[in-house]
């Protein structure tokens, strides 16, 4: 495992693919492969199967394994695969081991879903996963604003394969402090709230950002990355302005329609069915036209 190479790969647009469903509700593998190829052809080089935009929590264990295997097979050597894992510790460990055996290079560990999360327990949870797959790079997905940066440093002291962080707390100042408390140069910092937060997070230390929008228009996200890498925040904000409403629709009401809006855009392009699984829902008819109108002006 070349940690330096994995870190370099993470400093990019980290795509979170949707999981398309067939009319009978099963995973549409042919469409899934076609959407992955479209992103790769568009220049995407990091792909996260079993992310939240992929409806991770609505998939069965067998489906999550199938998504991992399909993605690794379709991507080949064209991109780095960062597999989402989570749930209880044994399930997360088993998923990480499966990702390793399938040929993935890294795993992203979803924020633990538990009503009682101590900071030391957070370290223990991620340590169990990281120690099970020392061959893989490990990227915690941080959504807890109370977590201290020092806890991440503690984790990496024990597990050197913890190399990056997907930070998804909507507070750029908090992110800047957390990154410096953990070690700004020690990890790759990924803005985990996508394009709307990428400019402010890049200004305080991020070098990559996640994206669900790339399912629809990879070139739009990559143009923002190019501007941010060049330090051209005016150009980055022009992209920001063009996608603002689309991303606001996804983020509204605590991201109730986060996946739904992306699938609706893909449906408008004739690329994917709009169906999502509960507790998400399909957009009402009245809102579908707004999504189609928003993407009409993009370079797709």
Protein backbone atom coordinates (compact mmCIF):
# COMPACT_ATOMS: atom_id res chain seq x y z
CA UNK A 1 0.00 0.00 0.00
CA UNK A 2 1.45 3.34 -1.11
CA UNK A 3 0.00 5.84 1.35
CA UNK A 4 1.51 8.77 -0.54
CA UNK A 5 -0.24 7.72 -3.74
CA UNK A 6 -3.54 7.19 -1.94
CA UNK A 7 -3.32 10.63 -0.36
CA UNK A 8 -2.66 12.19 -3.74
CA UNK A 9 -5.69 10.38 -5.16
CA UNK A 10 -7.98 11.70 -2.42
CA UNK A 11 -7.16 15.34 -3.13
CA UNK A 12 -9.72 15.49 -5.92
CA UNK A 13 -13.44 15.43 -6.66
CA UNK A 14 -14.65 12.38 -4.73
CA UNK A 15 -17.70 11.11 -6.61
CA UNK A 16 -20.61 9.53 -4.75
CA UNK A 17 -22.54 7.54 -7.38
CA UNK A 18 -26.29 6.96 -7.16
CA UNK A 19 -27.62 3.41 -7.01
CA UNK A 20 -30.17 3.09 -9.84
CA UNK A 21 -33.16 0.82 -9.40
CA UNK A 22 -35.11 -1.20 -11.96
CA UNK A 23 -38.88 -1.12 -12.26
CA UNK A 24 -39.12 -4.11 -9.92
CA UNK A 25 -37.10 -2.30 -7.24
CA UNK A 26 -33.86 -4.26 -7.61
CA UNK A 27 -30.52 -2.66 -8.48
CA UNK A 28 -30.30 -1.89 -12.20
CA UNK A 29 -26.76 -3.14 -12.80
CA UNK A 30 -26.61 -2.22 -16.49
CA UNK A 31 -27.58 1.40 -15.76
CA UNK A 32 -25.24 1.45 -12.77
CA UNK A 33 -22.33 0.49 -14.99
CA UNK A 34 -23.33 3.01 -17.64
CA UNK A 35 -23.46 5.84 -15.10
CA UNK A 36 -20.04 4.88 -13.74
CA UNK A 37 -18.57 4.85 -17.25
CA UNK A 38 -20.08 8.26 -17.92
CA UNK A 39 -18.39 9.71 -14.83
CA UNK A 40 -15.07 8.11 -15.68
CA UNK A 41 -15.27 9.35 -19.26
CA UNK A 42 -15.97 12.79 -17.80
CA UNK A 43 -12.69 12.77 -15.88
CA UNK A 44 -13.66 11.50 -12.41
CA UNK A 45 -10.84 9.61 -10.71
CA UNK A 46 -12.17 8.79 -7.23
CA UNK A 47 -15.43 6.88 -6.75
CA UNK A 48 -17.25 6.04 -3.50
CA UNK A 49 -19.72 3.16 -3.82
CA UNK A 50 -22.06 2.83 -0.83
CA UNK A 51 -22.02 6.52 0.01
CA UNK A 52 -25.08 8.40 1.18
CA UNK A 53 -25.96 9.54 -2.35
CA UNK A 54 -25.89 5.81 -3.17
CA UNK A 55 -28.59 5.23 -0.51
CA UNK A 56 -26.21 3.25 1.69
CA UNK A 57 -28.67 2.87 4.55
CA UNK A 58 -31.47 1.68 2.25
CA UNK A 59 -29.44 -1.16 0.73
CA UNK A 60 -29.30 -4.69 2.11
CA UNK A 61 -25.92 -6.19 3.07
CA UNK A 62 -25.98 -8.33 -0.09
CA UNK A 63 -26.76 -5.27 -2.21
CA UNK A 64 -23.92 -3.29 -0.65
CA UNK A 65 -21.51 -6.08 -1.45
CA UNK A 66 -22.86 -6.28 -5.00
CA UNK A 67 -22.42 -2.52 -5.46
CA UNK A 68 -18.82 -2.77 -4.25
CA UNK A 69 -17.99 -5.62 -6.60
CA UNK A 70 -19.72 -4.03 -9.58
CA UNK A 71 -17.92 -0.72 -9.01
CA UNK A 72 -14.46 -2.25 -8.63
CA UNK A 73 -15.03 -4.34 -11.75
CA UNK A 74 -16.33 -1.45 -13.87
CA UNK A 75 -13.76 1.09 -12.70
CA UNK A 76 -10.74 -1.17 -13.15
CA UNK A 77 -7.59 0.94 -13.15
CA UNK A 78 -9.34 4.10 -14.33
CA UNK A 79 -10.02 5.44 -10.84
CA UNK A 80 -9.47 4.82 -7.13
CA UNK A 81 -12.34 3.07 -5.33
CA UNK A 82 -13.17 4.27 -1.81
CA UNK A 83 -15.89 1.98 -0.41
CA UNK A 84 -18.39 3.21 2.17
CA UNK A 85 -18.69 0.95 5.23
CA UNK A 86 -20.59 1.30 8.49
CA UNK A 87 -23.36 0.11 10.83
CA UNK A 88 -22.28 -1.98 13.87
CA UNK A 89 -18.61 -2.82 14.33
CA UNK A 90 -18.74 -6.44 13.02
CA UNK A 91 -20.71 -5.31 9.97
CA UNK A 92 -18.34 -2.44 9.26
CA UNK A 93 -15.29 -4.68 9.66
CA UNK A 94 -16.78 -7.37 7.41
CA UNK A 95 -17.58 -4.75 4.75
CA UNK A 96 -14.06 -3.36 4.91
CA UNK A 97 -12.58 -6.84 4.53
CA UNK A 98 -14.91 -7.49 1.59
CA UNK A 99 -13.83 -4.20 -0.01
CA UNK A 100 -10.20 -5.26 0.35
CA UNK A 101 -10.87 -8.70 -1.13
CA UNK A 102 -12.82 -7.17 -4.01
CA UNK A 103 -9.85 -4.99 -4.93
CA UNK A 104 -10.72 -1.56 -3.50
CA UNK A 105 -7.90 0.71 -2.34
CA UNK A 106 -9.65 2.52 0.51
CA UNK A 107 -12.70 2.57 2.75
CA UNK A 108 -14.74 5.49 4.01
CA UNK A 109 -16.19 4.83 7.46
CA UNK A 110 -19.66 6.33 7.86
CA UNK A 111 -20.38 8.32 11.01
CA UNK A 112 -21.40 5.75 13.66
CA UNK A 113 -25.19 5.52 13.90
CA UNK A 114 -25.78 5.33 17.62
CA UNK A 115 -27.56 7.63 20.10
CA UNK A 116 -24.61 7.56 22.50
CA UNK A 117 -21.22 8.28 20.92
CA UNK A 118 -18.31 9.05 23.24
CA UNK A 119 -15.18 10.53 21.74
CA UNK A 120 -13.08 7.63 22.97
CA UNK A 121 -15.69 5.22 21.63
CA UNK A 122 -15.47 6.97 18.26
CA UNK A 123 -11.74 6.17 18.24
CA UNK A 124 -12.41 2.54 19.20
CA UNK A 125 -15.00 2.13 16.42
CA UNK A 126 -12.69 3.40 13.70
CA UNK A 127 -9.69 1.59 15.13
CA UNK A 128 -11.53 -1.73 14.81
CA UNK A 129 -12.10 -1.10 11.10
CA UNK A 130 -8.65 0.30 10.36
CA UNK A 131 -6.81 -2.51 12.14
CA UNK A 132 -8.83 -5.12 10.25
CA UNK A 133 -7.62 -3.78 6.88
CA UNK A 134 -4.09 -2.41 7.34
CA UNK A 135 -3.63 -2.82 3.57
CA UNK A 136 -6.25 -0.15 2.84
CA UNK A 137 -6.39 3.59 3.29
CA UNK A 138 -9.09 4.59 5.79
CA UNK A 139 -11.14 7.80 5.64
CA UNK A 140 -13.47 8.64 8.58
CA UNK A 141 -16.65 10.49 7.65
CA UNK A 142 -17.00 13.15 10.35
CA UNK A 143 -20.45 14.68 10.89
CA UNK A 144 -20.21 15.25 14.64
CA UNK A 145 -19.42 18.90 15.51
CA UNK A 146 -18.42 17.91 19.05
CA UNK A 147 -15.61 15.58 17.98
CA UNK A 148 -12.19 17.00 18.87
CA UNK A 149 -9.38 17.02 16.33
CA UNK A 150 -7.09 15.45 18.91
CA UNK A 151 -9.19 12.27 18.79
CA UNK A 152 -8.44 11.89 15.10
CA UNK A 153 -4.75 12.32 15.87
CA UNK A 154 -5.07 9.61 18.54
CA UNK A 155 -6.65 7.28 15.99
CA UNK A 156 -3.93 7.85 13.42
CA UNK A 157 -1.22 7.32 16.04
CA UNK A 158 -2.60 3.80 16.44
CA UNK A 159 -3.58 3.25 12.79
CA UNK A 160 -1.25 4.90 10.25
CA UNK A 161 -3.54 3.82 7.41
CA UNK A 162 -6.02 6.53 8.52
CA UNK A 163 -4.93 9.03 5.90
CA UNK A 164 -7.83 11.35 5.13
CA UNK A 165 -11.02 12.83 6.51
CA UNK A 166 -14.38 13.54 4.90
CA UNK A 167 -15.48 16.48 7.04
CA UNK A 168 -19.19 17.25 6.83
CA UNK A 169 -19.92 19.66 9.64
CA UNK A 170 -21.45 22.83 8.09
CA UNK A 171 -19.06 25.24 9.78
CA UNK A 172 -15.91 26.35 7.95
CA UNK A 173 -14.38 27.88 11.08
CA UNK A 174 -14.95 24.66 13.00
CA UNK A 175 -13.39 22.71 10.15
CA UNK A 176 -10.31 24.93 10.14
CA UNK A 177 -9.82 24.44 13.87
CA UNK A 178 -10.47 20.69 13.74
CA UNK A 179 -7.97 20.20 10.91
CA UNK A 180 -5.26 22.09 12.73
CA UNK A 181 -5.91 20.33 16.03
CA UNK A 182 -5.65 16.97 14.27
CA UNK A 183 -2.72 17.89 12.03
CA UNK A 184 -3.33 19.90 8.88
CA UNK A 185 -0.49 18.33 6.92
CA UNK A 186 -0.98 14.88 8.36
CA UNK A 187 -4.26 14.09 6.58
CA UNK A 188 -6.00 14.77 3.29
CA UNK A 189 -8.97 17.00 4.07
CA UNK A 190 -12.08 16.47 1.97
CA UNK A 191 -14.96 18.93 2.10
CA UNK A 192 -17.75 16.46 2.74
CA UNK A 193 -20.65 18.82 2.03
CA UNK A 194 -19.95 19.05 -1.70
CA UNK A 195 -19.67 22.06 -3.98
CA UNK A 196 -21.56 24.63 -1.91
CA UNK A 197 -19.02 24.32 0.90
CA UNK A 198 -15.93 23.55 -1.18
CA UNK A 199 -14.65 27.15 -1.63
CA UNK A 200 -14.86 28.02 2.07
CA UNK A 201 -13.36 24.69 3.12
CA UNK A 202 -10.53 24.97 0.59
CA UNK A 203 -9.74 28.39 2.05
CA UNK A 204 -9.17 26.74 5.43
CA UNK A 205 -7.30 23.60 4.38
CA UNK A 206 -9.32 21.18 2.23
CA UNK A 207 -7.78 19.83 -0.97
CA UNK A 208 -10.71 17.75 -2.21
CA UNK A 209 -14.50 17.67 -2.04
CA UNK A 210 -17.24 15.11 -2.37
CA UNK A 211 -19.92 15.41 -5.02
CA UNK A 212 -23.25 13.90 -5.95
CA UNK A 213 -23.65 16.46 -8.70
CA UNK A 214 -20.97 14.62 -10.71
CA UNK A 215 -23.57 11.97 -11.49
CA UNK A 216 -25.24 14.64 -13.63
CA UNK A 217 -22.42 16.91 -14.83
CA UNK A 218 -18.85 15.80 -14.05
CA UNK A 219 -17.36 18.73 -15.95
CA UNK A 220 -19.07 21.27 -13.71
CA UNK A 221 -17.51 19.82 -10.56
CA UNK A 222 -14.10 19.43 -12.18
CA UNK A 223 -14.16 23.06 -13.32
CA UNK A 224 -14.67 24.12 -9.70
CA UNK A 225 -11.79 21.90 -8.59
CA UNK A 226 -9.52 23.38 -11.24
CA UNK A 227 -10.33 26.90 -10.07
CA UNK A 228 -9.80 26.03 -6.41
CA UNK A 229 -6.48 24.35 -7.12
CA UNK A 230 -5.38 27.53 -8.89
CA UNK A 231 -6.54 29.70 -6.01
CA UNK A 232 -8.99 31.42 -8.36
CA UNK A 233 -11.89 31.83 -5.98
CA UNK A 234 -13.72 34.21 -8.32
CA UNK A 235 -13.89 31.47 -10.97
CA UNK A 236 -14.86 28.88 -8.37
CA UNK A 237 -17.70 31.10 -7.19
CA UNK A 238 -19.00 31.46 -10.74
CA UNK A 239 -19.45 27.69 -10.75
CA UNK A 240 -20.93 27.93 -7.26
CA UNK A 241 -23.50 30.45 -8.46
CA UNK A 242 -24.51 28.26 -11.40
CA UNK A 243 -25.24 25.23 -9.22
CA UNK A 244 -26.43 27.01 -6.10
CA UNK A 245 -30.16 26.40 -6.53
CA UNK A 246 -29.68 22.74 -7.45
CA UNK A 247 -27.61 22.12 -4.33
CA UNK A 248 -30.01 24.13 -2.18
CA UNK A 249 -32.84 21.88 -3.34
CA UNK A 250 -30.79 18.89 -2.23
CA UNK A 251 -29.93 20.45 1.15
CA UNK A 252 -33.41 21.74 2.03
CA UNK A 253 -35.23 20.36 5.07
CA UNK A 254 -32.14 18.59 6.42
CA UNK A 255 -31.34 17.10 2.99
CA UNK A 256 -34.69 15.32 2.68
CA UNK A 257 -34.41 15.25 -1.13
CA UNK A 258 -30.63 14.96 -1.39
CA UNK A 259 -30.63 11.81 -3.50
CA UNK A 260 -34.02 12.47 -5.04
CA UNK A 261 -32.94 15.68 -6.78
CA UNK A 262 -29.90 13.97 -8.32
CA UNK A 263 -31.97 11.06 -9.61
CA UNK A 264 -34.60 13.48 -10.93
CA UNK A 265 -31.91 15.28 -12.91
CA UNK A 266 -30.67 11.97 -14.30
CA UNK A 267 -34.25 11.03 -15.18
CA UNK A 268 -34.67 14.35 -17.01
CA UNK A 269 -31.60 13.41 -19.07
CA UNK A 270 -32.95 9.92 -19.74
CA UNK A 271 -30.08 8.27 -17.87
CA UNK A 272 -31.72 6.72 -14.81
CA UNK A 273 -35.12 6.02 -13.26
CA UNK A 274 -36.12 8.56 -10.61
CA UNK A 275 -37.15 5.95 -8.00
CA UNK A 276 -35.55 6.08 -4.55
CA UNK A 277 -36.14 3.94 -1.48
CA UNK A 278 -37.84 4.97 1.74
CA UNK A 279 -37.25 6.99 3.81
CA UNK A 280 -36.42 9.13 0.75
CA UNK A 281 -39.23 9.90 -1.68
CA UNK A 282 -39.69 10.77 -5.35
CA UNK A 283 -40.11 14.48 -6.05
CA UNK A 284 -43.67 15.71 -6.50
CA UNK A 285 -44.59 16.48 -10.11
CA UNK A 286 -44.61 20.24 -9.46
CA UNK A 287 -40.91 20.25 -8.48
CA UNK A 288 -39.61 18.11 -11.31
CA UNK A 289 -39.69 20.92 -13.85
CA UNK A 290 -37.55 23.12 -11.59
CA UNK A 291 -34.81 20.48 -11.46
CA UNK A 292 -34.87 20.09 -15.25
CA UNK A 293 -34.69 23.86 -15.67
CA UNK A 294 -31.74 24.16 -13.30
CA UNK A 295 -29.57 21.69 -15.20
CA UNK A 296 -30.57 23.03 -18.64
CA UNK A 297 -27.92 25.73 -18.53
CA UNK A 298 -25.06 23.48 -17.50
CA UNK A 299 -22.39 22.05 -19.77
CA UNK A 300 -23.41 18.39 -19.71
